[in-house]
């Protein structure tokens, strides 16, 4: 049986609180399926991308964010409006009551993923990173990754996805890499957040790709569920 997109993939059991992750290929069929979640503003904004694939990925990303939020809230299709912060972490603009959900968006050339995590109003953050299997990690960045580094390309790429997911959850992106350090098994921290990360497994449609998701809470906050 062929896969129906967008697809919900398994949230790592080691991470609490639990969220949801949605995945979709960046192809014409996906764009057609997700078109009800797009607005005229989205189509106009997509014109700034000259490459067709980048334009398609941008549109699918916006539509998938809305689809994921609709599924979380169990509501009909709504044209939720978003903007991206400097760290590329989506921030919900309208319906303040919906801001209790933290959001994260990631894409490769062929795939778009979205993570939704309840508890944003309690300080929880989420970060999602997807990387193509042939992605090369800049050696200058590799030397700055927390924990043990390795020369094996596949393990280095997986280490980078964990770090990138953590940096997205932190909210400051790559600028906070120098503040990221190991904080126990499966955990890292910055000056602002304690962060747990986990690899994504069973990603449908691209078994060789890497993925990781991170959940973060402020360093002054005690864990809650």
Protein backbone atom coordinates (compact mmCIF):
# COMPACT_ATOMS: atom_id res chain seq x y z
CA UNK A 1 0.00 0.00 0.00
CA UNK A 2 1.38 3.44 -0.90
CA UNK A 3 2.04 5.97 1.83
CA UNK A 4 -0.58 8.69 2.30
CA UNK A 5 0.96 12.11 2.94
CA UNK A 6 1.20 14.02 5.16
CA UNK A 7 2.05 11.24 7.62
CA UNK A 8 2.33 11.33 11.39
CA UNK A 9 5.52 9.63 12.58
CA UNK A 10 6.40 8.15 15.95
CA UNK A 11 7.34 10.52 18.78
CA UNK A 12 10.39 9.18 20.69
CA UNK A 13 9.27 7.42 23.87
CA UNK A 14 12.18 8.93 25.85
CA UNK A 15 10.97 12.52 25.45
CA UNK A 16 8.34 14.13 27.68
CA UNK A 17 6.10 15.97 27.36
CA UNK A 18 4.90 14.15 24.25
CA UNK A 19 4.27 15.97 21.00
CA UNK A 20 3.48 15.08 17.41
CA UNK A 21 5.59 15.06 14.26
CA UNK A 22 4.28 15.29 10.71
CA UNK A 23 6.24 14.55 7.55
CA UNK A 24 5.54 15.26 3.88
CA UNK A 25 7.55 15.06 0.62
CA UNK A 26 8.10 18.27 -1.31
CA UNK A 27 6.37 17.15 -4.50
CA UNK A 28 3.46 18.36 -6.60
CA UNK A 29 1.05 15.76 -5.22
CA UNK A 30 1.70 16.92 -1.64
CA UNK A 31 1.23 20.56 -2.61
CA UNK A 32 -2.11 19.72 -4.21
CA UNK A 33 -3.23 17.76 -1.14
CA UNK A 34 -2.23 20.59 1.24
CA UNK A 35 -3.57 23.44 -0.93
CA UNK A 36 -6.63 24.01 1.35
CA UNK A 37 -4.20 25.14 4.08
CA UNK A 38 -2.64 27.85 1.87
CA UNK A 39 -3.68 31.47 1.53
CA UNK A 40 -3.24 34.03 -1.19
CA UNK A 41 -0.55 35.65 0.95
CA UNK A 42 1.41 32.38 0.90
CA UNK A 43 1.27 32.12 -2.88
CA UNK A 44 2.40 35.72 -3.26
CA UNK A 45 5.26 35.23 -0.79
CA UNK A 46 6.44 32.15 -2.69
CA UNK A 47 7.24 34.27 -5.76
CA UNK A 48 10.45 35.48 -4.15
CA UNK A 49 11.96 32.01 -4.64
CA UNK A 50 13.34 31.56 -8.14
CA UNK A 51 13.94 27.82 -7.81
CA UNK A 52 10.78 25.77 -8.22
CA UNK A 53 11.75 23.20 -5.59
CA UNK A 54 12.46 25.86 -2.95
CA UNK A 55 9.18 27.59 -3.73
CA UNK A 56 7.33 24.29 -3.40
CA UNK A 57 9.08 23.46 -0.10
CA UNK A 58 8.16 26.87 1.34
CA UNK A 59 4.48 26.43 0.45
CA UNK A 60 4.32 22.87 1.76
CA UNK A 61 6.04 23.94 4.98
CA UNK A 62 3.46 26.64 5.70
CA UNK A 63 0.57 24.34 4.83
CA UNK A 64 1.98 21.50 6.94
CA UNK A 65 2.33 23.80 9.96
CA UNK A 66 -1.36 24.64 9.72
CA UNK A 67 -2.35 21.03 9.07
CA UNK A 68 -0.40 19.87 12.14
CA UNK A 69 -1.96 22.53 14.35
CA UNK A 70 -5.45 21.72 13.06
CA UNK A 71 -4.87 18.04 13.85
CA UNK A 72 -3.63 18.92 17.34
CA UNK A 73 -6.66 21.10 18.05
CA UNK A 74 -9.14 18.84 16.21
CA UNK A 75 -10.61 21.74 14.25
CA UNK A 76 -11.51 22.24 10.55
CA UNK A 77 -9.05 23.81 8.12
CA UNK A 78 -8.09 27.28 9.30
CA UNK A 79 -5.70 29.81 7.70
CA UNK A 80 -3.44 30.20 10.75
CA UNK A 81 -0.86 32.93 10.16
CA UNK A 82 2.78 32.47 11.16
CA UNK A 83 6.01 34.36 11.00
CA UNK A 84 9.56 33.04 11.34
CA UNK A 85 11.88 34.38 13.99
CA UNK A 86 15.58 34.95 13.31
CA UNK A 87 16.26 31.38 14.46
CA UNK A 88 13.71 30.14 11.89
CA UNK A 89 11.44 28.88 14.67
CA UNK A 90 7.81 29.51 13.67
CA UNK A 91 5.84 31.73 15.99
CA UNK A 92 2.05 31.71 15.93
CA UNK A 93 0.57 35.16 15.47
CA UNK A 94 -3.20 34.92 15.83
CA UNK A 95 -5.54 33.23 18.33
CA UNK A 96 -3.45 33.71 21.50
CA UNK A 97 -5.08 30.67 23.11
CA UNK A 98 -3.34 28.50 20.46
CA UNK A 99 0.08 29.77 21.54
CA UNK A 100 0.20 27.07 24.17
CA UNK A 101 1.71 24.90 21.42
CA UNK A 102 5.40 25.14 20.57
CA UNK A 103 6.20 24.61 16.88
CA UNK A 104 9.25 23.68 14.84
CA UNK A 105 9.76 23.32 11.09
CA UNK A 106 12.55 21.53 9.19
CA UNK A 107 13.12 20.51 5.59
CA UNK A 108 15.57 18.85 3.26
CA UNK A 109 15.50 19.11 -0.51
CA UNK A 110 12.88 16.33 -0.66
CA UNK A 111 11.09 16.43 2.71
CA UNK A 112 9.35 18.82 5.12
CA UNK A 113 8.72 18.01 8.78
CA UNK A 114 6.78 19.80 11.53
CA UNK A 115 6.80 19.19 15.29
CA UNK A 116 4.04 20.38 17.64
CA UNK A 117 4.50 20.29 21.42
CA UNK A 118 1.89 21.28 24.04
CA UNK A 119 3.12 23.38 26.95
CA UNK A 120 4.56 26.50 25.33
CA UNK A 121 2.67 28.59 27.91
CA UNK A 122 4.60 26.65 30.59
CA UNK A 123 7.95 27.39 28.99
CA UNK A 124 8.44 24.21 26.95
CA UNK A 125 10.07 24.51 23.53
CA UNK A 126 10.54 22.03 20.69
CA UNK A 127 13.13 21.71 17.92
CA UNK A 128 13.08 19.43 14.88
CA UNK A 129 15.89 18.76 12.42
CA UNK A 130 15.90 16.63 9.27
CA UNK A 131 19.02 16.12 7.16
CA UNK A 132 19.64 14.29 3.90
CA UNK A 133 22.01 11.34 4.27
CA UNK A 134 24.60 12.95 1.98
CA UNK A 135 24.74 16.21 3.98
CA UNK A 136 28.34 17.12 4.86
CA UNK A 137 28.96 18.73 8.24
CA UNK A 138 31.36 21.65 8.17
CA UNK A 139 34.52 20.57 10.08
CA UNK A 140 34.57 23.91 11.89
CA UNK A 141 31.09 23.20 13.25
CA UNK A 142 31.90 19.54 13.96
CA UNK A 143 34.72 20.59 16.31
CA UNK A 144 32.24 22.66 18.35
CA UNK A 145 29.59 19.96 18.84
CA UNK A 146 29.05 18.88 22.46
CA UNK A 147 30.15 15.44 23.66
CA UNK A 148 32.43 13.02 21.83
CA UNK A 149 32.91 13.73 18.14
CA UNK A 150 33.61 11.08 15.56
CA UNK A 151 35.13 10.97 12.11
CA UNK A 152 32.47 8.59 10.81
CA UNK A 153 30.29 10.65 8.50
CA UNK A 154 27.00 8.98 9.46
CA UNK A 155 27.57 9.38 13.20
CA UNK A 156 28.79 12.93 12.79
CA UNK A 157 25.66 13.79 10.82
CA UNK A 158 23.46 12.27 13.50
CA UNK A 159 25.34 14.26 16.16
CA UNK A 160 24.69 17.40 14.14
CA UNK A 161 20.93 16.69 13.87
CA UNK A 162 20.78 16.40 17.68
CA UNK A 163 22.65 19.69 18.08
CA UNK A 164 20.58 21.48 15.45
CA UNK A 165 17.31 20.29 17.00
CA UNK A 166 18.54 21.49 20.41
CA UNK A 167 19.53 24.89 19.00
CA UNK A 168 16.11 25.28 17.41
CA UNK A 169 14.46 24.45 20.72
CA UNK A 170 16.69 27.02 22.44
CA UNK A 171 15.38 29.54 19.93
CA UNK A 172 18.65 31.28 19.06
CA UNK A 173 19.83 28.90 16.36
CA UNK A 174 23.48 28.54 15.41
CA UNK A 175 24.47 31.66 17.37
CA UNK A 176 24.03 29.62 20.58
CA UNK A 177 26.27 26.72 19.49
CA UNK A 178 29.13 27.97 21.67
CA UNK A 179 26.82 27.82 24.71
CA UNK A 180 25.69 24.23 24.03
CA UNK A 181 27.26 21.60 26.28
CA UNK A 182 26.67 18.02 27.40
CA UNK A 183 24.37 17.71 30.43
CA UNK A 184 24.10 13.94 30.90
CA UNK A 185 23.05 11.00 28.70
CA UNK A 186 20.72 12.23 25.99
CA UNK A 187 20.77 15.75 27.42
CA UNK A 188 22.44 19.03 26.56
CA UNK A 189 22.06 22.52 27.96
CA UNK A 190 22.65 26.16 27.15
CA UNK A 191 22.70 29.11 29.50
CA UNK A 192 18.91 29.37 29.08
CA UNK A 193 17.57 25.84 28.61
CA UNK A 194 17.99 22.23 29.62
CA UNK A 195 17.31 20.12 26.55
CA UNK A 196 16.67 16.44 25.89
CA UNK A 197 17.14 15.08 22.37
CA UNK A 198 16.31 11.83 20.62
CA UNK A 199 16.88 10.40 17.17
CA UNK A 200 13.88 9.79 14.95
CA UNK A 201 13.47 6.24 13.73
CA UNK A 202 11.24 4.63 11.16
CA UNK A 203 11.03 7.75 9.02
CA UNK A 204 8.85 6.64 6.09
CA UNK A 205 10.11 7.11 2.57
CA UNK A 206 13.77 7.86 3.26
CA UNK A 207 15.46 5.19 5.45
CA UNK A 208 18.96 6.65 4.99
CA UNK A 209 18.14 10.14 6.24
CA UNK A 210 18.88 11.52 9.71
CA UNK A 211 16.44 13.20 12.03
CA UNK A 212 16.24 14.35 15.65
CA UNK A 213 13.76 16.13 17.89
CA UNK A 214 14.45 18.10 21.07
CA UNK A 215 12.34 19.34 23.97
CA UNK A 216 13.61 22.19 26.14
CA UNK A 217 12.62 23.85 29.41
CA UNK A 218 14.07 26.96 31.05
CA UNK A 219 16.98 26.23 33.40
CA UNK A 220 15.06 27.78 36.31
CA UNK A 221 12.04 25.56 35.77
CA UNK A 222 11.51 22.16 37.34
CA UNK A 223 10.23 19.36 35.06
CA UNK A 224 6.46 19.00 34.82
CA UNK A 225 4.16 16.85 32.71
